[in-house]
Amino acid sequence: MATAPGYSPSLWVTLCHSLPRLDLALRPCSSWFRPDSWEYQQTLLVVSSLSAIALLLSLLFILAFLIRYCCCRRDGEEAESEGSQEAESEGSGLGSAKGRGLCCVTWVSVAAVIVCCMAIGIGFYGNSEANDGIYQVTYSLATANHTLASIKFLVSETVSLLSSGVSGPLTSLEEVLSDRTDFLVSTRSARRLSEAVIALLSSSLLPAGGAERAPDPRGTSNSTSASSTAAPSSSSLAPSPSSSSSPPLPFSPGWAADTLAIYEDYRWLSYVLLLLLDLVVCLFVLLALAKQSRWLLALMMALAWLALFLSWGSLGLETPTVLALSDFCVDPNTFIINSTQFTMGTSSEILEYYLTCGLRTDSPFQQVLTRCQRALSSIHTHLSVLEREAVPQFPRAEKSLGDIQQILNSTEGNFHQLVALLNCRGLNKDYVDSLKGLCYDGMEGLLYLCLYSLLSAVSFTTLLCSLPGAWRGFSSDSDNYEDSDSESEDPFPSHQARRQTPAGSQRGVLPGFYSYQGASWAPPFSSAPPLPTPSTSSNGNPGYESLPLIDRQSPPPSYSPSMMTGYGGSQSNSNPTYSQILSLH
């Protein structure tokens, strides 16, 4: 079947449609769009199950990595204890190895976060493209529904006007002209022609899908992505006899547009929340790595598990939707024609006329419109004869003829508008616009969403494998930091703190800075540099040059004479090493 002018399947549609399809028994199946067929539904289930298999593989990979991490942790701790002894003498080794390991884990996590942020950007773009495409679909459906509602309104109004004219002025005119047979024949002919027009319009030009009111298409909200949404927009073009007060059928374009609008709001909001969740996880993972915060890292790991499941789940919904949409967009006219239920023999021709709308295609309403136009012209002729010949003889007939002429003028005005609306160009343009929005922008947006879901799932899998290593690095670094804090003591401790030092401590009792015993002075720390040769000051007392505290111009702590005497007496006995160092000078 020929496609609509101005529409051709895109490259992505053709490529996705050409992919092989398998059923649950892994047998090849046809890729033609048949949503009601169980065989075709099996192919979509198989495609959706690939995401579940990928989720299972990622979970197994993460589990294997965590098992390896837990089993190798004890060996790593033993290596740490052995390396710590070597690090004391060499000054490097284990510390640098730990630093390199933590740096590697950190950079792997940062790379995964960067890839995830790229995926989030792709997801926002794909969600916007899908939303724009489906907005175009709903806008076109609403416009088509507005056109159908206008057609139905014009037909109903025309039928109502002609019926009121037959039951009112024409009946009165027959009563007035009952004495003249020739005038009565013309009046009854006008009645029969009016009834024929009513019958033709009621049976052929009342669309089954028209709504009672014509909604404004500009007020339609955004709508959703569905693979077969374009079908309802054209199935309602098949006319069938119905009264003007009958409610719209459930497959009318207005009903489809409203339903898709509600569904699209939830779909768009769901994707926005998912993208924001991924973005929050990525940003706070970077913050946890920068701050080396274990509790924040644990919270982000829990959210990463949730994002992983949601990413694979969204991919499992998107891939079958893409394939089904590609199958529909390859030949949408065939599916619409075959799936539409007709109540009249010429309905398929009417639907094909609006779907293809060729320049050489004859309108199926042409014969009906021609007959109605001829009937209205004949009615005008009969009324003109009566107005010219009967009014001079029957003045009372002038009012009835004037009412009939007014009704007929309104009917002809509605009829001209009806002829313009029944042309295929307007509805076909709405149909083509809906196909372009669904099969171009909608298809592209869904493909970008599939790419986002795949990249985010791989990124979160990598994060969940690398973050435990970062956790381990944070723990060891914090322990080393606490040890270094405990070892770095005040170089100027108070007298009370020194007295509280245990007797068996390796540091011993620190002597005072200015406790002199004979001609020698022992520094308070064993790591003090050798002192220079003493010299005689200007007043004859021995002095010392280049003392550390004097060079820094820092006053020494004040001590009482008893403290200086006590510590000075024990200095020579308790620190023989210092005496040997001073004897060398």
Protein backbone atom coordinates (compact mmCIF):
# COMPACT_ATOMS: atom_id res chain seq x y z
CA MET A 1 0.00 0.00 0.00
CA ALA A 2 1.22 3.49 -0.80
CA THR A 3 2.37 5.59 2.12
CA ALA A 4 1.17 9.07 2.87
CA PRO A 5 2.79 11.80 0.76
CA GLY A 6 5.53 13.59 2.63
CA TYR A 7 6.37 10.65 4.89
CA SER A 8 8.98 7.94 4.46
CA PRO A 9 10.51 5.65 7.09
CA SER A 10 13.72 6.98 8.59
CA LEU A 11 17.04 5.13 8.60
CA TRP A 12 16.69 4.20 12.28
CA VAL A 13 13.21 2.79 11.64
CA THR A 14 14.45 0.67 8.75
CA LEU A 15 17.49 -0.52 10.71
CA CYS A 16 15.52 -1.53 13.79
CA HIS A 17 12.85 -3.19 11.66
CA SER A 18 15.50 -5.31 9.92
CA LEU A 19 16.76 -6.82 13.18
CA PRO A 20 15.98 -10.54 13.54
CA ARG A 21 13.14 -11.56 15.85
CA LEU A 22 12.90 -14.70 17.93
CA ASP A 23 10.05 -16.19 19.91
CA LEU A 24 10.31 -17.89 23.29
CA ALA A 25 11.43 -21.10 21.57
CA LEU A 26 14.22 -19.12 19.83
CA ARG A 27 12.64 -19.61 16.43
CA PRO A 28 12.75 -16.77 13.86
CA CYS A 29 9.54 -14.79 13.45
CA SER A 30 8.21 -12.08 11.19
CA SER A 31 8.82 -8.46 12.13
CA TRP A 32 5.53 -7.07 10.82
CA PHE A 33 3.60 -5.12 13.40
CA ARG A 34 0.90 -7.38 14.85
CA PRO A 35 0.34 -6.36 18.48
CA ASP A 36 -2.64 -8.71 18.92
CA SER A 37 -0.66 -11.78 17.87
CA TRP A 38 0.87 -13.93 20.61
CA GLU A 39 3.73 -14.84 18.32
CA TYR A 40 4.64 -11.18 17.89
CA GLN A 41 4.29 -10.54 21.61
CA GLN A 42 6.79 -13.32 22.26
CA THR A 43 9.41 -11.49 20.20
CA LEU A 44 8.96 -8.40 22.38
CA LEU A 45 9.24 -10.49 25.53
CA VAL A 46 12.49 -12.01 24.28
CA VAL A 47 13.94 -8.56 23.60
CA SER A 48 12.83 -7.33 27.02
CA SER A 49 14.34 -10.39 28.72
CA LEU A 50 17.79 -9.41 27.39
CA SER A 51 17.82 -6.55 29.90
CA ALA A 52 16.96 -8.96 32.71
CA ILE A 53 19.84 -11.21 31.62
CA ALA A 54 22.19 -8.22 31.55
CA LEU A 55 21.04 -7.25 35.06
CA LEU A 56 21.76 -10.78 36.29
CA LEU A 57 25.23 -10.74 34.74
CA SER A 58 26.04 -7.39 36.31
CA LEU A 59 24.90 -8.63 39.71
CA LEU A 60 27.05 -11.75 39.35
CA PHE A 61 30.01 -9.61 38.36
CA ILE A 62 29.59 -7.33 41.36
CA LEU A 63 29.14 -10.33 43.66
CA ALA A 64 32.31 -11.99 42.35
CA PHE A 65 34.25 -8.78 42.80
CA LEU A 66 33.00 -8.36 46.37
CA ILE A 67 33.85 -11.97 47.22
CA ARG A 68 37.36 -11.47 45.88
CA TYR A 69 37.64 -8.25 47.83
CA CYS A 70 36.56 -9.88 51.11
CA CYS A 71 38.77 -12.96 50.63
CA CYS A 72 41.85 -10.95 49.76
CA ARG A 73 41.38 -8.51 52.58
CA ARG A 74 43.11 -10.70 55.19
CA ASP A 75 46.08 -11.25 52.90
CA GLY A 76 46.23 -7.52 52.37
CA GLU A 77 46.23 -6.88 56.10
CA GLU A 78 49.16 -9.29 56.56
CA ALA A 79 51.00 -7.54 53.79
CA GLU A 80 50.30 -4.26 55.51
CA SER A 81 51.75 -5.49 58.81
CA GLU A 82 54.92 -6.77 57.07
CA GLY A 83 55.24 -3.67 54.98
CA SER A 84 54.83 -1.39 57.97
CA GLN A 85 58.06 -2.76 59.48
CA GLU A 86 59.92 -2.22 56.23
CA ALA A 87 58.42 1.25 55.87
CA GLU A 88 59.92 2.29 59.21
CA SER A 89 63.44 1.69 57.90
CA GLU A 90 62.98 2.59 54.22
CA GLY A 91 60.49 5.49 54.58
CA SER A 92 58.45 4.31 51.57
CA GLY A 93 57.00 1.07 50.21
CA LEU A 94 53.69 0.25 51.83
CA GLY A 95 52.58 3.86 52.18
CA SER A 96 53.30 4.57 48.53
CA ALA A 97 51.64 1.27 47.49
CA LYS A 98 48.54 2.19 49.48
CA GLY A 99 48.56 5.62 47.93
CA ARG A 100 48.81 4.18 44.44
CA GLY A 101 45.99 1.70 45.12
CA LEU A 102 43.69 4.35 46.54
CA CYS A 103 44.52 6.67 43.66
CA CYS A 104 43.70 3.95 41.13
CA VAL A 105 40.36 3.18 42.80
CA THR A 106 39.53 6.87 43.01
CA TRP A 107 40.24 7.48 39.36
CA VAL A 108 38.21 4.47 38.30
CA SER A 109 35.29 5.80 40.32
CA VAL A 110 35.73 9.29 38.88
CA ALA A 111 35.81 7.87 35.33
CA ALA A 112 32.60 5.93 36.01
CA VAL A 113 30.97 9.07 37.38
CA ILE A 114 32.01 11.05 34.29
CA VAL A 115 30.53 8.40 31.99
CA CYS A 116 27.36 8.41 34.07
CA CYS A 117 27.12 12.20 33.81
CA MET A 118 27.46 11.91 30.04
CA ALA A 119 24.68 9.34 30.08
CA ILE A 120 22.51 11.69 32.13
CA GLY A 121 22.99 14.42 29.54
CA ILE A 122 22.02 11.98 26.78
CA GLY A 123 19.00 10.95 28.82
CA PHE A 124 17.78 14.52 29.25
CA TYR A 125 18.14 15.13 25.52
CA GLY A 126 16.37 11.87 24.64
CA ASN A 127 13.55 12.55 27.07
CA SER A 128 13.08 16.01 25.58
CA GLU A 129 13.10 14.65 22.02
CA ALA A 130 10.56 11.96 22.86
CA ASN A 131 8.38 14.49 24.61
CA ASP A 132 8.56 16.89 21.65
CA GLY A 133 7.70 14.13 19.21
CA ILE A 134 4.73 12.90 21.17
CA TYR A 135 3.56 16.45 21.74
CA GLN A 136 3.43 16.76 17.97
CA VAL A 137 1.42 13.53 17.85
CA THR A 138 -1.14 14.76 20.36
CA TYR A 139 -1.32 18.18 18.73
CA SER A 140 -2.05 16.53 15.37
CA LEU A 141 -4.60 14.21 16.94
CA ALA A 142 -6.32 17.14 18.62
CA THR A 143 -6.38 19.07 15.35
CA ALA A 144 -7.83 16.07 13.52
CA ASN A 145 -10.41 15.69 16.26
CA HIS A 146 -11.26 19.39 15.90
CA THR A 147 -11.79 18.89 12.16
CA LEU A 148 -13.97 15.83 12.66
CA ALA A 149 -15.97 17.60 15.33
CA SER A 150 -16.49 20.53 12.99
CA ILE A 151 -17.67 18.19 10.23
CA LYS A 152 -20.08 16.50 12.55
CA PHE A 153 -21.34 19.83 13.85
CA LEU A 154 -21.92 21.17 10.33
CA VAL A 155 -23.71 17.99 9.25
CA SER A 156 -25.84 17.97 12.38
CA GLU A 157 -26.69 21.65 12.03
CA THR A 158 -27.54 21.27 8.35
CA VAL A 159 -29.74 18.27 9.05
CA SER A 160 -31.41 20.14 11.90
CA LEU A 161 -32.05 23.22 9.74
CA LEU A 162 -33.52 21.20 6.90
CA SER A 163 -35.67 19.18 9.30
CA SER A 164 -37.03 22.32 10.90
CA GLY A 165 -37.71 23.75 7.46
CA VAL A 166 -39.58 20.65 6.37
CA SER A 167 -41.65 20.44 9.53
CA GLY A 168 -42.31 24.18 9.77
CA PRO A 169 -42.42 26.55 6.78
CA LEU A 170 -42.87 23.88 4.10
CA THR A 171 -45.82 22.35 5.95
CA SER A 172 -47.39 25.79 6.34
CA LEU A 173 -46.75 26.53 2.67
CA GLU A 174 -48.51 23.32 1.65
CA GLU A 175 -51.53 24.33 3.68
CA VAL A 176 -51.62 27.76 2.09
CA LEU A 177 -51.14 26.46 -1.48
CA SER A 178 -53.46 23.47 -1.15
CA ASP A 179 -55.94 25.01 -3.63
CA ARG A 180 -53.42 25.16 -6.48
CA THR A 181 -52.19 21.77 -7.66
CA ASP A 182 -49.18 23.08 -9.61
CA PHE A 183 -47.97 25.11 -6.64
CA LEU A 184 -48.61 22.19 -4.31
CA VAL A 185 -46.51 19.88 -6.54
CA SER A 186 -43.56 22.31 -6.40
CA THR A 187 -43.87 22.56 -2.61
CA ARG A 188 -43.94 18.79 -2.18
CA SER A 189 -40.97 18.42 -4.52
CA ALA A 190 -38.99 20.83 -2.33
CA ARG A 191 -40.02 18.75 0.70
CA ARG A 192 -38.88 15.50 -0.91
CA LEU A 193 -35.55 17.02 -1.96
CA SER A 194 -34.96 18.35 1.56
CA GLU A 195 -35.69 14.93 3.04
CA ALA A 196 -33.31 13.35 0.53
CA VAL A 197 -30.52 15.75 1.53
CA ILE A 198 -31.19 14.96 5.18
CA ALA A 199 -30.98 11.25 4.48
CA LEU A 200 -27.74 11.58 2.47
CA LEU A 201 -26.02 13.72 5.06
CA SER A 202 -27.13 11.58 7.98
CA SER A 203 -26.10 8.31 6.41
CA SER A 204 -22.82 9.31 4.76
CA LEU A 205 -21.28 12.35 6.41
CA LEU A 206 -21.67 11.84 10.16
CA PRO A 207 -18.22 10.59 11.31
CA ALA A 208 -18.32 8.01 14.06
CA GLY A 209 -15.31 9.39 15.90
CA GLY A 210 -16.28 13.04 16.02
CA ALA A 211 -16.53 14.58 19.43
CA GLU A 212 -19.41 16.65 20.67
CA ARG A 213 -17.26 19.73 21.06
CA ALA A 214 -14.29 20.98 19.13
CA PRO A 215 -11.40 21.36 21.56
CA ASP A 216 -8.64 23.86 21.03
CA PRO A 217 -5.53 21.95 19.92
CA ARG A 218 -3.28 24.59 21.44
CA GLY A 219 -4.56 23.68 24.88
CA THR A 220 -3.47 20.09 24.60
CA SER A 221 -0.68 19.11 26.97
CA ASN A 222 2.31 16.93 26.23
CA SER A 223 1.65 13.30 25.59
CA THR A 224 3.32 9.96 25.69
CA SER A 225 5.29 7.53 23.62
CA ALA A 226 3.21 4.64 22.33
CA SER A 227 3.85 2.62 19.29
CA SER A 228 0.34 2.50 17.90
CA THR A 229 -0.99 5.93 18.77
CA ALA A 230 -1.39 7.03 15.19
CA ALA A 231 -3.95 4.31 14.47
CA PRO A 232 -6.85 5.84 16.41
CA SER A 233 -6.39 9.15 14.61
CA SER A 234 -7.35 7.62 11.31
CA SER A 235 -9.70 4.84 12.30
CA SER A 236 -12.29 7.42 13.29
CA LEU A 237 -12.44 8.73 9.75
CA ALA A 238 -14.73 5.89 8.75
CA PRO A 239 -18.25 7.32 8.86
CA SER A 240 -21.24 5.43 10.03
CA PRO A 241 -24.79 6.44 10.75
CA SER A 242 -25.11 8.05 14.14
CA SER A 243 -27.14 10.76 15.71
CA SER A 244 -25.72 14.14 16.61
CA SER A 245 -26.20 13.48 20.31
CA SER A 246 -24.36 10.15 20.40
CA PRO A 247 -21.25 10.12 22.61
CA PRO A 248 -17.81 9.79 20.99
CA LEU A 249 -16.49 6.31 20.46
CA PRO A 250 -13.52 5.18 22.59
CA PHE A 251 -11.11 5.24 19.62
CA SER A 252 -11.66 8.84 18.61
CA PRO A 253 -8.64 11.13 18.20
CA GLY A 254 -9.82 13.31 21.09
CA TRP A 255 -9.98 10.38 23.46
CA ALA A 256 -6.58 9.14 22.27
CA ALA A 257 -5.01 12.60 22.66
CA ASP A 258 -6.35 13.05 26.20
CA THR A 259 -5.23 9.58 27.24
CA LEU A 260 -1.77 10.02 25.76
CA ALA A 261 -1.43 13.43 27.39
CA ILE A 262 -2.06 12.00 30.85
CA TYR A 263 0.23 9.03 30.26
CA GLU A 264 3.02 11.23 28.85
CA ASP A 265 2.96 13.45 31.92
CA TYR A 266 3.71 10.46 34.14
CA ARG A 267 6.31 9.06 31.74
CA TRP A 268 8.15 12.36 31.40
CA LEU A 269 8.10 12.99 35.15
CA SER A 270 9.34 9.45 35.87
CA TYR A 271 12.33 9.88 33.59
CA VAL A 272 13.13 13.29 35.04
CA LEU A 273 13.12 11.84 38.57
CA LEU A 274 15.32 8.93 37.45
CA LEU A 275 17.79 11.30 35.81
CA LEU A 276 17.89 13.51 38.88
CA LEU A 277 18.50 10.45 41.08
CA ASP A 278 21.47 9.44 38.93
CA LEU A 279 22.80 12.99 38.98
CA VAL A 280 22.54 13.22 42.78
CA VAL A 281 24.35 9.90 43.17
CA CYS A 282 27.17 11.00 40.87
CA LEU A 283 27.67 14.37 42.54
CA PHE A 284 27.64 13.00 46.06
CA VAL A 285 29.98 10.16 45.12
CA LEU A 286 32.48 12.78 44.00
CA LEU A 287 31.90 14.66 47.25
CA ALA A 288 32.43 11.50 49.30
CA LEU A 289 35.68 10.76 47.45
CA ALA A 290 36.90 14.32 47.97
CA LYS A 291 35.96 14.47 51.66
CA GLN A 292 36.79 10.79 52.28
CA SER A 293 33.49 10.44 54.12
CA ARG A 294 32.58 6.82 54.76
CA TRP A 295 28.96 7.40 55.81
CA LEU A 296 28.23 9.48 52.72
CA LEU A 297 29.89 6.86 50.56
CA ALA A 298 27.75 4.14 52.15
CA LEU A 299 24.57 6.12 51.48
CA MET A 300 25.55 6.67 47.84
CA MET A 301 26.31 2.96 47.43
CA ALA A 302 22.76 2.15 48.54
CA LEU A 303 21.33 4.67 46.08
CA ALA A 304 23.63 3.30 43.37
CA TRP A 305 22.05 -0.13 43.81
CA LEU A 306 18.62 1.41 43.32
CA ALA A 307 19.79 3.34 40.26
CA LEU A 308 21.31 0.17 38.81
CA PHE A 309 18.02 -1.72 39.00
CA LEU A 310 16.08 1.23 37.60
CA SER A 311 18.51 1.63 34.70
CA TRP A 312 18.25 -1.99 33.61
CA GLY A 313 14.48 -1.89 34.15
CA SER A 314 14.05 1.19 31.97
CA LEU A 315 16.18 -0.45 29.28
CA GLY A 316 13.91 -3.49 29.43
CA LEU A 317 10.90 -1.26 28.69
CA GLU A 318 12.55 0.89 26.06
CA THR A 319 14.01 -1.78 23.77
CA PRO A 320 10.71 -3.58 22.95
CA THR A 321 9.02 -0.20 22.52
CA VAL A 322 11.66 0.83 19.99
CA LEU A 323 11.27 -2.38 18.01
CA ALA A 324 7.47 -2.25 18.05
CA LEU A 325 7.55 1.39 17.00
CA SER A 326 9.91 0.64 14.13
CA ASP A 327 7.64 -2.16 12.94
CA PHE A 328 4.65 0.17 12.98
CA CYS A 329 6.43 3.08 11.29
CA VAL A 330 7.65 0.99 8.34
CA ASP A 331 4.11 0.70 6.92
CA PRO A 332 1.55 2.39 9.17
CA ASN A 333 -1.20 2.53 6.53
CA THR A 334 -1.42 -1.25 6.22
CA PHE A 335 -1.80 -1.72 9.95
CA ILE A 336 -4.44 0.99 10.23
CA ILE A 337 -6.48 -0.36 7.34
CA ASN A 338 -6.31 -3.95 8.57
CA SER A 339 -7.03 -3.16 12.21
CA THR A 340 -9.98 -0.79 11.68
CA GLN A 341 -13.43 -2.27 12.09
CA PHE A 342 -15.83 -1.07 9.41
CA THR A 343 -19.59 -0.94 9.51
CA MET A 344 -20.06 0.11 5.90
CA GLY A 345 -18.79 -1.28 2.64
CA THR A 346 -17.16 1.97 1.49
CA SER A 347 -15.43 2.80 4.79
CA SER A 348 -12.12 1.24 3.73
CA GLU A 349 -12.10 3.45 0.64
CA ILE A 350 -12.81 6.51 2.76
CA LEU A 351 -9.99 5.67 5.16
CA GLU A 352 -7.55 4.99 2.36
CA TYR A 353 -8.54 8.28 0.74
CA TYR A 354 -7.55 10.22 3.86
CA LEU A 355 -4.39 8.18 4.49
CA THR A 356 -2.93 8.48 1.00
CA CYS A 357 -4.62 11.64 -0.34
CA GLY A 358 -3.20 11.45 -3.83
CA LEU A 359 -3.77 14.16 -6.38
CA ARG A 360 -5.55 11.72 -8.69
CA THR A 361 -7.54 10.05 -5.91
CA ASP A 362 -11.26 10.65 -6.18
CA SER A 363 -13.10 11.55 -3.03
CA PRO A 364 -15.56 8.89 -1.89
CA PHE A 365 -17.85 11.73 -0.85
CA GLN A 366 -17.88 13.23 -4.31
CA GLN A 367 -21.07 11.49 -5.39
CA VAL A 368 -22.89 12.30 -2.17
CA LEU A 369 -21.82 15.93 -2.26
CA THR A 370 -22.84 16.24 -5.89
CA ARG A 371 -26.29 14.83 -5.22
CA CYS A 372 -26.77 17.12 -2.25
CA GLN A 373 -25.62 20.12 -4.26
CA ARG A 374 -28.04 19.29 -7.06
CA ALA A 375 -30.88 18.78 -4.57
CA LEU A 376 -30.22 22.15 -2.97
CA SER A 377 -30.14 23.80 -6.39
CA SER A 378 -33.47 22.17 -7.28
CA ILE A 379 -34.98 23.38 -4.04
CA HIS A 380 -33.84 26.91 -4.90
CA THR A 381 -35.45 26.58 -8.31
CA HIS A 382 -38.81 25.44 -6.91
CA LEU A 383 -38.79 28.20 -4.31
CA SER A 384 -38.00 30.82 -6.94
CA VAL A 385 -40.96 29.67 -9.04
CA LEU A 386 -43.25 29.78 -6.03
CA GLU A 387 -42.01 33.21 -5.03
CA ARG A 388 -42.54 34.55 -8.54
CA GLU A 389 -45.95 33.00 -9.23
CA ALA A 390 -47.57 32.03 -5.92
CA VAL A 391 -46.90 35.08 -3.80
CA PRO A 392 -48.98 37.47 -5.93
CA GLN A 393 -51.92 35.09 -5.69
CA PHE A 394 -51.36 33.92 -2.10
CA PRO A 395 -49.86 36.75 -0.01
CA ARG A 396 -49.85 34.57 3.12
CA ALA A 397 -47.26 32.31 1.47
CA GLU A 398 -44.68 35.12 1.46
CA LYS A 399 -43.73 34.65 5.13
CA SER A 400 -43.31 30.87 4.77
CA LEU A 401 -41.23 31.28 1.62
CA GLY A 402 -39.03 33.85 3.36
CA ASP A 403 -38.37 31.46 6.26
CA ILE A 404 -37.55 28.65 3.88
CA GLN A 405 -35.18 30.85 1.89
CA GLN A 406 -33.35 31.87 5.07
CA ILE A 407 -32.98 28.25 6.16
CA LEU A 408 -31.77 27.29 2.71
CA ASN A 409 -29.16 30.06 2.66
CA SER A 410 -27.78 28.91 6.03
CA THR A 411 -27.78 25.33 4.77
CA GLU A 412 -25.79 26.24 1.66
CA GLY A 413 -23.25 28.16 3.75
CA ASN A 414 -22.73 25.13 5.99
CA PHE A 415 -22.56 22.94 2.92
CA HIS A 416 -19.69 24.92 1.38
CA GLN A 417 -17.73 24.71 4.63
CA LEU A 418 -18.47 21.01 4.76
CA VAL A 419 -17.08 20.47 1.28
CA ALA A 420 -13.83 22.21 2.28
CA LEU A 421 -13.47 20.19 5.49
CA LEU A 422 -14.17 16.88 3.76
CA ASN A 423 -11.19 17.40 1.48
CA CYS A 424 -8.38 15.01 2.36
CA ARG A 425 -5.61 17.59 2.59
CA GLY A 426 -6.38 18.85 6.09
CA LEU A 427 -6.80 15.47 7.78
CA ASN A 428 -3.95 13.94 5.80
CA LYS A 429 -1.63 16.71 6.96
CA ASP A 430 -2.55 15.98 10.57
CA TYR A 431 -1.96 12.29 9.96
CA VAL A 432 1.48 12.89 8.38
CA ASP A 433 2.46 15.25 11.20
CA SER A 434 1.52 12.65 13.78
CA LEU A 435 3.59 10.03 11.93
CA LYS A 436 6.59 12.35 11.76
CA GLY A 437 6.36 13.20 15.43
CA LEU A 438 6.02 9.55 16.41
CA CYS A 439 8.44 7.92 13.98
CA TYR A 440 11.09 10.65 13.75
CA ASP A 441 11.39 12.58 17.01
CA GLY A 442 9.78 9.91 19.18
CA MET A 443 11.94 7.16 17.73
CA GLU A 444 15.10 9.21 18.09
CA GLY A 445 14.24 10.11 21.67
CA LEU A 446 13.66 6.47 22.60
CA LEU A 447 16.99 5.46 21.07
CA TYR A 448 18.78 8.11 23.13
CA LEU A 449 16.97 6.87 26.23
CA CYS A 450 18.14 3.33 25.48
CA LEU A 451 21.72 4.58 25.21
CA TYR A 452 21.34 6.45 28.49
CA SER A 453 20.02 3.38 30.29
CA LEU A 454 22.86 1.21 28.99
CA LEU A 455 25.63 3.68 29.88
CA SER A 456 24.20 4.44 33.32
CA ALA A 457 23.83 0.73 34.11
CA VAL A 458 27.46 0.05 33.14
CA SER A 459 28.63 3.10 35.12
CA PHE A 460 26.82 2.08 38.29
CA THR A 461 28.13 -1.47 37.93
CA THR A 462 31.67 -0.06 37.82
CA LEU A 463 30.96 2.22 40.78
CA LEU A 464 29.66 -0.61 42.92
CA CYS A 465 32.82 -2.58 42.17
CA SER A 466 35.26 0.27 42.87
CA LEU A 467 33.68 2.02 45.86
CA PRO A 468 34.48 -0.79 48.38
CA GLY A 469 38.17 -0.25 47.60
CA ALA A 470 37.75 3.44 48.29
CA TRP A 471 35.99 2.56 51.57
CA ARG A 472 38.98 0.45 52.59
CA GLY A 473 41.37 3.23 51.70
CA PHE A 474 39.40 5.75 53.70
CA SER A 475 39.47 3.48 56.79
CA SER A 476 43.24 2.93 56.74
CA ASP A 477 43.96 6.58 56.08
CA SER A 478 41.85 7.65 59.02
CA ASP A 479 43.66 5.18 61.31
CA ASN A 480 47.05 6.47 60.20
CA TYR A 481 45.86 9.99 60.75
CA GLU A 482 44.83 9.18 64.31
CA ASP A 483 48.19 7.49 64.99
CA SER A 484 50.09 10.45 63.67
CA ASP A 485 48.08 12.74 65.89
CA SER A 486 48.84 10.64 68.94
CA GLU A 487 52.59 10.58 68.20
CA SER A 488 52.95 14.30 67.57
CA GLU A 489 53.18 15.66 71.09
CA ASP A 490 53.86 19.12 72.33
CA PRO A 491 57.64 19.84 72.35
CA PHE A 492 57.10 21.95 75.43
CA PRO A 493 55.11 19.73 77.82
CA SER A 494 54.15 21.01 81.22
CA HIS A 495 55.75 19.82 84.44
CA GLN A 496 52.57 18.06 85.53
CA ALA A 497 52.33 16.15 82.23
CA ARG A 498 55.93 14.94 82.55
CA ARG A 499 55.36 13.73 86.08
CA GLN A 500 52.40 11.66 84.86
CA THR A 501 54.64 9.78 82.38
CA PRO A 502 55.01 6.11 83.38
CA ALA A 503 58.28 5.00 84.87
CA GLY A 504 58.81 2.35 82.18
CA SER A 505 58.30 4.76 79.32
CA GLN A 506 60.98 4.85 76.66
CA ARG A 507 61.07 8.61 76.62
CA GLY A 508 62.05 8.90 80.28
CA VAL A 509 61.98 12.17 82.19
CA LEU A 510 62.73 15.16 80.00
CA PRO A 511 65.35 17.43 81.59
CA GLY A 512 65.04 21.16 81.80
CA PHE A 513 66.48 23.38 79.14
CA TYR A 514 68.75 25.29 81.51
CA SER A 515 69.91 22.63 84.00
CA TYR A 516 73.68 22.95 84.13
CA GLN A 517 76.00 20.35 85.70
CA GLY A 518 79.55 21.49 85.79
CA ALA A 519 80.64 22.74 82.42
CA SER A 520 78.26 20.66 80.31
CA TRP A 521 74.67 21.07 79.28
CA ALA A 522 72.52 18.27 77.94
CA PRO A 523 69.75 19.06 75.41
CA PRO A 524 66.26 17.86 76.26
CA PHE A 525 65.94 15.60 73.23
CA SER A 526 68.24 12.88 71.95
CA SER A 527 67.79 14.15 68.41
CA ALA A 528 69.24 17.61 69.23
CA PRO A 529 72.22 18.62 67.06
CA PRO A 530 75.67 18.88 68.59
CA LEU A 531 76.23 22.07 70.48
CA PRO A 532 79.00 24.51 69.49
CA THR A 533 82.09 25.20 71.56
CA PRO A 534 81.37 27.34 74.60
CA SER A 535 82.71 30.85 74.60
CA THR A 536 83.22 33.52 77.27
CA SER A 537 80.84 36.37 77.35
CA SER A 538 81.74 39.96 78.11
CA ASN A 539 81.08 39.57 81.86
CA GLY A 540 83.23 36.42 82.22
CA ASN A 541 80.44 33.85 82.41
CA PRO A 542 80.36 30.93 79.99
CA GLY A 543 77.70 31.26 77.30
CA TYR A 544 76.44 29.35 74.34
CA GLU A 545 76.08 30.60 70.83
CA SER A 546 73.51 29.67 68.22
CA LEU A 547 71.07 28.15 70.62
CA PRO A 548 67.88 27.08 68.80
CA LEU A 549 65.52 29.01 71.02
CA ILE A 550 67.72 32.09 70.99
CA ASP A 551 67.92 32.01 67.16
CA ARG A 552 64.16 31.80 66.93
CA GLN A 553 63.87 34.52 69.56
CA SER A 554 61.48 32.28 71.52
CA PRO A 555 61.67 32.54 75.32
CA PRO A 556 62.13 29.22 77.11
CA PRO A 557 59.53 28.06 79.60
CA SER A 558 59.97 29.36 83.12
CA TYR A 559 61.00 26.92 85.81
CA SER A 560 61.38 27.32 89.52
CA PRO A 561 64.87 26.92 91.12
CA SER A 562 63.83 23.71 92.85
CA MET A 563 62.68 22.22 89.55
CA MET A 564 65.91 23.16 87.85
CA THR A 565 67.98 21.70 90.68
CA GLY A 566 65.99 18.47 90.75
CA TYR A 567 66.14 17.89 87.05
CA GLY A 568 69.72 18.98 86.82
CA GLY A 569 70.78 16.42 89.38
CA SER A 570 69.17 13.55 87.58
CA GLN A 571 70.34 14.60 84.14
CA SER A 572 73.92 13.51 84.46
CA ASN A 573 72.98 10.08 85.78
CA SER A 574 70.01 9.33 83.59
CA ASN A 575 71.45 10.49 80.27
CA PRO A 576 75.00 9.20 79.85
CA THR A 577 74.68 9.43 76.09
CA TYR A 578 74.47 13.17 76.20
CA SER A 579 77.69 13.40 78.24
CA GLN A 580 79.52 11.31 75.64
CA ILE A 581 78.28 13.57 72.87
CA LEU A 582 79.45 16.64 74.73
CA SER A 583 82.87 15.12 75.49
CA LEU A 584 83.48 14.83 71.73
CA HIS A 585 83.26 18.61 71.45
